[in-house]
């Protein structure tokens, strides 16, 4: 699993249904850390372009319908709770995520 992979996860609580998520944690921590940090994706589209980034299905990302990467939903989950890889985000969209994360976290 590497940064930029789109995977399936099932969170407990409010976000409990199986859903796609984007791995944002560096892969250098895969062997040494029990959790992986991800951003949830949602097919419920809202108008919030600073922290909800539209992505559209293609063969590279493996999505089946338009979604939004929820930059405001950063989660660290146990790595064994991560399901299969469904695809990966292209470089242009990953750059959009990096920029949105910098704004959301106050690093920009």
C-alpha atoms as a PDB file:
ATOM      1  CA  UNK A   1       0.000   0.000   0.000  1.00  0.00           C
ATOM      2  CA  UNK A   2       1.355   3.403  -0.926  1.00  0.00           C
ATOM      3  CA  UNK A   3       0.394   7.037  -0.804  1.00  0.00           C
ATOM      4  CA  UNK A   4      -2.123   7.764  -3.541  1.00  0.00           C
ATOM      5  CA  UNK A   5      -3.746   4.316  -3.487  1.00  0.00           C
ATOM      6  CA  UNK A   6      -7.533   4.191  -3.405  1.00  0.00           C
ATOM      7  CA  UNK A   7      -8.679   1.397  -1.112  1.00  0.00           C
ATOM      8  CA  UNK A   8     -11.867   0.190   0.521  1.00  0.00           C
ATOM      9  CA  UNK A   9     -12.384   0.620   4.251  1.00  0.00           C
ATOM     10  CA  UNK A  10     -15.180   0.208   6.779  1.00  0.00           C
ATOM     11  CA  UNK A  11     -15.094   2.711   9.634  1.00  0.00           C
ATOM     12  CA  UNK A  12     -17.019   2.368  12.876  1.00  0.00           C
ATOM     13  CA  UNK A  13     -19.564   4.946  14.005  1.00  0.00           C
ATOM     14  CA  UNK A  14     -20.874   7.684  11.723  1.00  0.00           C
ATOM     15  CA  UNK A  15     -18.756   6.584   8.769  1.00  0.00           C
ATOM     16  CA  UNK A  16     -19.368   2.840   9.203  1.00  0.00           C
ATOM     17  CA  UNK A  17     -20.489   1.787   5.738  1.00  0.00           C
ATOM     18  CA  UNK A  18     -17.819   0.392   3.398  1.00  0.00           C
ATOM     19  CA  UNK A  19     -16.423   3.203   1.277  1.00  0.00           C
ATOM     20  CA  UNK A  20     -13.407   4.167  -0.768  1.00  0.00           C
ATOM     21  CA  UNK A  21     -10.569   6.046   0.878  1.00  0.00           C
ATOM     22  CA  UNK A  22      -7.343   7.645  -0.299  1.00  0.00           C
ATOM     23  CA  UNK A  23      -4.100   6.654   1.431  1.00  0.00           C
ATOM     24  CA  UNK A  24      -2.222   9.853   2.304  1.00  0.00           C
ATOM     25  CA  UNK A  25       0.371   8.445   4.707  1.00  0.00           C
ATOM     26  CA  UNK A  26       3.893   7.891   3.429  1.00  0.00           C
ATOM     27  CA  UNK A  27       4.615   4.246   2.672  1.00  0.00           C
ATOM     28  CA  UNK A  28       7.896   4.412   4.621  1.00  0.00           C
ATOM     29  CA  UNK A  29       5.824   3.866   7.787  1.00  0.00           C
ATOM     30  CA  UNK A  30       4.022   0.718   6.561  1.00  0.00           C
ATOM     31  CA  UNK A  31       6.316  -1.676   8.441  1.00  0.00           C
ATOM     32  CA  UNK A  32       6.629   0.323  11.644  1.00  0.00           C
ATOM     33  CA  UNK A  33       3.170   1.689  12.328  1.00  0.00           C
ATOM     34  CA  UNK A  34      -0.079  -0.179  13.061  1.00  0.00           C
ATOM     35  CA  UNK A  35      -2.319   2.436  11.482  1.00  0.00           C
ATOM     36  CA  UNK A  36      -2.638   4.072   8.077  1.00  0.00           C
ATOM     37  CA  UNK A  37      -3.867   7.622   7.517  1.00  0.00           C
ATOM     38  CA  UNK A  38      -6.522   8.078   4.845  1.00  0.00           C
ATOM     39  CA  UNK A  39      -9.049  10.561   3.506  1.00  0.00           C
ATOM     40  CA  UNK A  40     -12.603   9.295   3.085  1.00  0.00           C
ATOM     41  CA  UNK A  41     -14.397   9.605  -0.247  1.00  0.00           C
ATOM     42  CA  UNK A  42     -18.111  10.266  -0.609  1.00  0.00           C
ATOM     43  CA  UNK A  43     -20.521   9.993  -3.508  1.00  0.00           C
ATOM     44  CA  UNK A  44     -22.683  12.663  -1.836  1.00  0.00           C
ATOM     45  CA  UNK A  45     -21.411  15.735  -3.655  1.00  0.00           C
ATOM     46  CA  UNK A  46     -21.459  19.138  -1.956  1.00  0.00           C
ATOM     47  CA  UNK A  47     -20.266  22.571  -3.062  1.00  0.00           C
ATOM     48  CA  UNK A  48     -17.100  23.018  -0.988  1.00  0.00           C
ATOM     49  CA  UNK A  49     -14.181  23.136  -3.444  1.00  0.00           C
ATOM     50  CA  UNK A  50     -11.543  24.074  -0.862  1.00  0.00           C
ATOM     51  CA  UNK A  51     -11.870  20.802   1.051  1.00  0.00           C
ATOM     52  CA  UNK A  52     -14.093  18.506  -1.039  1.00  0.00           C
ATOM     53  CA  UNK A  53     -12.292  17.610  -4.264  1.00  0.00           C
ATOM     54  CA  UNK A  54     -14.241  16.143  -7.169  1.00  0.00           C
ATOM     55  CA  UNK A  55     -12.862  13.001  -8.797  1.00  0.00           C
ATOM     56  CA  UNK A  56     -14.436  11.146 -11.672  1.00  0.00           C
ATOM     57  CA  UNK A  57     -14.275   7.432 -12.480  1.00  0.00           C
ATOM     58  CA  UNK A  58     -11.563   6.177 -14.820  1.00  0.00           C
ATOM     59  CA  UNK A  59      -9.570   2.998 -15.342  1.00  0.00           C
ATOM     60  CA  UNK A  60      -6.690   4.214 -13.163  1.00  0.00           C
ATOM     61  CA  UNK A  61      -8.701   5.099 -10.040  1.00  0.00           C
ATOM     62  CA  UNK A  62     -11.227   2.239 -10.204  1.00  0.00           C
ATOM     63  CA  UNK A  63     -14.122   4.390  -8.990  1.00  0.00           C
ATOM     64  CA  UNK A  64     -17.598   3.531 -10.256  1.00  0.00           C
ATOM     65  CA  UNK A  65     -19.230   6.948  -9.841  1.00  0.00           C
ATOM     66  CA  UNK A  66     -18.244  10.573  -9.262  1.00  0.00           C
ATOM     67  CA  UNK A  67     -16.969  11.156  -5.738  1.00  0.00           C
ATOM     68  CA  UNK A  68     -15.387  13.790  -3.599  1.00  0.00           C
ATOM     69  CA  UNK A  69     -12.201  13.370  -1.631  1.00  0.00           C
ATOM     70  CA  UNK A  70     -13.080  14.672   1.818  1.00  0.00           C
ATOM     71  CA  UNK A  71      -9.981  16.566   2.898  1.00  0.00           C
ATOM     72  CA  UNK A  72     -11.853  17.446   6.097  1.00  0.00           C
ATOM     73  CA  UNK A  73     -12.208  13.733   6.993  1.00  0.00           C
ATOM     74  CA  UNK A  74      -8.659  12.670   7.868  1.00  0.00           C
ATOM     75  CA  UNK A  75      -8.685   9.290   9.607  1.00  0.00           C
ATOM     76  CA  UNK A  76      -6.023   6.929  10.901  1.00  0.00           C
ATOM     77  CA  UNK A  77      -7.252   3.361  11.000  1.00  0.00           C
ATOM     78  CA  UNK A  78      -5.697   0.016  11.817  1.00  0.00           C
ATOM     79  CA  UNK A  79      -4.017  -1.246   8.688  1.00  0.00           C
ATOM     80  CA  UNK A  80      -5.774  -4.619   8.855  1.00  0.00           C
ATOM     81  CA  UNK A  81      -9.129  -2.803   8.469  1.00  0.00           C
ATOM     82  CA  UNK A  82      -8.119  -1.676   4.994  1.00  0.00           C
ATOM     83  CA  UNK A  83      -9.608  -3.777   2.223  1.00  0.00           C
ATOM     84  CA  UNK A  84      -8.459  -4.220  -1.319  1.00  0.00           C
ATOM     85  CA  UNK A  85      -6.839  -1.616  -3.511  1.00  0.00           C
ATOM     86  CA  UNK A  86      -9.332  -0.385  -6.110  1.00  0.00           C
ATOM     87  CA  UNK A  87      -6.983   1.947  -7.981  1.00  0.00           C
ATOM     88  CA  UNK A  88      -4.779   4.949  -7.564  1.00  0.00           C
ATOM     89  CA  UNK A  89      -5.084   8.676  -7.880  1.00  0.00           C
ATOM     90  CA  UNK A  90      -3.287  10.336 -10.791  1.00  0.00           C
ATOM     91  CA  UNK A  91      -0.512  12.856 -10.128  1.00  0.00           C
ATOM     92  CA  UNK A  92      -2.624  15.926 -10.964  1.00  0.00           C
ATOM     93  CA  UNK A  93      -5.334  14.983  -8.463  1.00  0.00           C
ATOM     94  CA  UNK A  94      -2.770  14.013  -5.829  1.00  0.00           C
ATOM     95  CA  UNK A  95      -1.254  17.492  -6.195  1.00  0.00           C
ATOM     96  CA  UNK A  96      -4.743  18.964  -5.632  1.00  0.00           C
ATOM     97  CA  UNK A  97      -5.021  16.858  -2.462  1.00  0.00           C
ATOM     98  CA  UNK A  98      -1.603  18.045  -1.233  1.00  0.00           C
ATOM     99  CA  UNK A  99      -2.596  21.672  -1.715  1.00  0.00           C
ATOM    100  CA  UNK A 100      -6.003  21.222  -0.075  1.00  0.00           C
ATOM    101  CA  UNK A 101      -4.418  19.441   2.902  1.00  0.00           C
ATOM    102  CA  UNK A 102      -1.970  22.331   3.338  1.00  0.00           C
ATOM    103  CA  UNK A 103      -4.879  24.775   3.457  1.00  0.00           C
ATOM    104  CA  UNK A 104      -7.047  22.573   5.720  1.00  0.00           C
ATOM    105  CA  UNK A 105      -4.203  22.009   8.198  1.00  0.00           C
ATOM    106  CA  UNK A 106      -3.058  25.632   8.146  1.00  0.00           C
ATOM    107  CA  UNK A 107       0.305  24.860   6.557  1.00  0.00           C
ATOM    108  CA  UNK A 108      -0.186  27.118   3.533  1.00  0.00           C
END
